[in-house]
Protein backbone atom coordinates (compact mmCIF):
# COMPACT_ATOMS: atom_id res chain seq x y z
CA MET A 1 9.30 -6.30 -1.38
CA ARG A 2 8.60 -9.71 -2.86
CA CYS A 3 4.97 -10.73 -3.10
CA VAL A 4 3.61 -14.15 -3.87
CA VAL A 5 0.10 -14.58 -5.22
CA PHE A 6 -1.70 -17.87 -4.74
CA SER A 7 -5.25 -19.05 -4.96
CA ALA A 8 -7.11 -21.11 -2.39
CA GLY A 9 -10.57 -21.95 -3.59
CA TRP A 10 -12.32 -18.70 -4.44
CA SER A 11 -9.82 -16.60 -2.51
CA VAL A 12 -6.65 -15.07 -3.88
CA ARG A 13 -3.98 -14.29 -1.32
CA VAL A 14 -1.15 -11.86 -1.86
CA TRP A 15 1.59 -12.70 0.58
CA ASN A 16 4.45 -10.34 1.38
CA THR A 17 7.35 -12.72 1.83
CA ALA A 18 9.50 -10.10 3.56
CA THR A 19 7.20 -9.65 6.54
CA GLU A 20 5.01 -12.74 6.24
CA TYR A 21 1.51 -11.35 6.19
CA THR A 22 -1.32 -11.18 3.73
CA PHE A 23 -2.65 -7.81 2.70
CA GLU A 24 -6.13 -9.22 3.23
CA ALA A 25 -5.41 -10.10 6.86
CA VAL A 26 -3.89 -6.70 7.60
CA TYR A 27 -6.81 -4.89 5.95
CA GLU A 28 -9.44 -6.99 7.69
CA ASP A 29 -7.78 -6.39 11.08
CA MET A 30 -8.16 -2.63 10.54
CA ALA A 31 -11.30 -2.62 8.37
CA GLU A 32 -13.63 -1.04 10.91
CA LEU A 33 -11.22 1.81 11.66
CA ILE A 34 -10.60 2.31 7.94
CA ARG A 35 -14.33 2.40 7.08
CA LEU A 36 -15.03 4.82 9.94
CA GLY A 37 -12.20 7.07 8.83
CA ALA A 38 -10.47 6.60 12.19
CA TYR A 39 -7.28 5.18 10.68
CA LYS A 40 -4.73 7.89 9.88
CA ALA A 41 -2.55 7.15 6.84
CA GLY A 42 1.13 6.92 7.70
CA THR A 43 0.52 5.35 11.10
CA ASN A 44 1.41 1.82 9.93
CA VAL A 45 3.25 0.97 6.70
CA GLU A 46 1.63 -2.48 6.39
CA VAL A 47 -1.87 -1.04 6.79
CA ASP A 48 -1.07 1.73 4.29
CA MET A 49 0.00 -0.88 1.73
CA ALA A 50 -3.05 -3.02 2.48
CA THR A 51 -5.45 -0.09 2.06
CA LYS A 52 -3.84 0.64 -1.29
CA VAL A 53 -3.94 -2.90 -2.69
CA TYR A 54 -7.10 -4.33 -1.09
CA PRO A 55 -9.67 -2.43 -3.21
CA LYS A 56 -7.73 -3.26 -6.37
CA LEU A 57 -7.65 -6.96 -5.48
CA GLU A 58 -11.37 -6.89 -4.68
CA ALA A 59 -12.03 -5.32 -8.09
CA PHE A 60 -9.78 -7.90 -9.73
CA LEU A 61 -11.74 -10.73 -8.11
CA THR A 62 -15.08 -9.31 -9.24
CA GLN A 63 -16.05 -10.55 -12.67
CA LYS A 64 -19.33 -9.96 -14.42
CA LYS A 65 -21.01 -12.83 -16.20
CA GLU A 66 -20.26 -11.36 -19.62
CA GLU A 67 -16.59 -10.62 -18.90
CA ARG A 68 -13.94 -12.97 -20.25
CA ALA A 69 -10.24 -13.18 -19.45
CA THR A 70 -7.48 -15.64 -20.11
CA LEU A 71 -5.18 -16.94 -17.40
CA ALA A 72 -2.39 -14.83 -18.91
CA ASP A 73 -4.63 -11.74 -18.71
CA GLY A 74 -5.31 -12.47 -15.06
CA TYR A 75 -1.64 -12.83 -14.21
CA ALA A 76 -0.83 -9.64 -16.12
CA GLU A 77 -3.49 -7.72 -14.19
CA LEU A 78 -2.20 -9.05 -10.84
CA GLU A 79 1.33 -8.15 -11.85
CA ALA A 80 0.21 -4.60 -12.67
CA ILE A 81 -1.50 -4.27 -9.27
CA MET A 82 1.61 -5.46 -7.45
CA ALA A 83 3.94 -3.32 -9.58
CA GLU A 84 1.85 -0.27 -8.71
CA LEU A 85 2.10 -1.13 -5.03
CA GLY A 86 5.85 -1.62 -5.27
CA SER A 87 6.36 1.68 -7.06
CA GLY A 88 4.55 3.59 -4.34
CA SER A 89 2.03 5.11 -6.76
């Protein structure tokens, strides 16, 4: 799986180039079912990947006022999130 990360304003998109979707879009489409616990893991591979990466991307995008990070740090953190997704862990 090849993922491309790009920023549009305040939003960071992670795009799966193999199937042409964003994890954000997949997660948001199923968000209500996921929050209610009605989505059963294993039903849809794309949703499973999105539920794994979405909270990590949300955490990545949340920065407290006192936190500091370089651009290189940011890219390294995104790379770690995507590597974890790709490894299936």
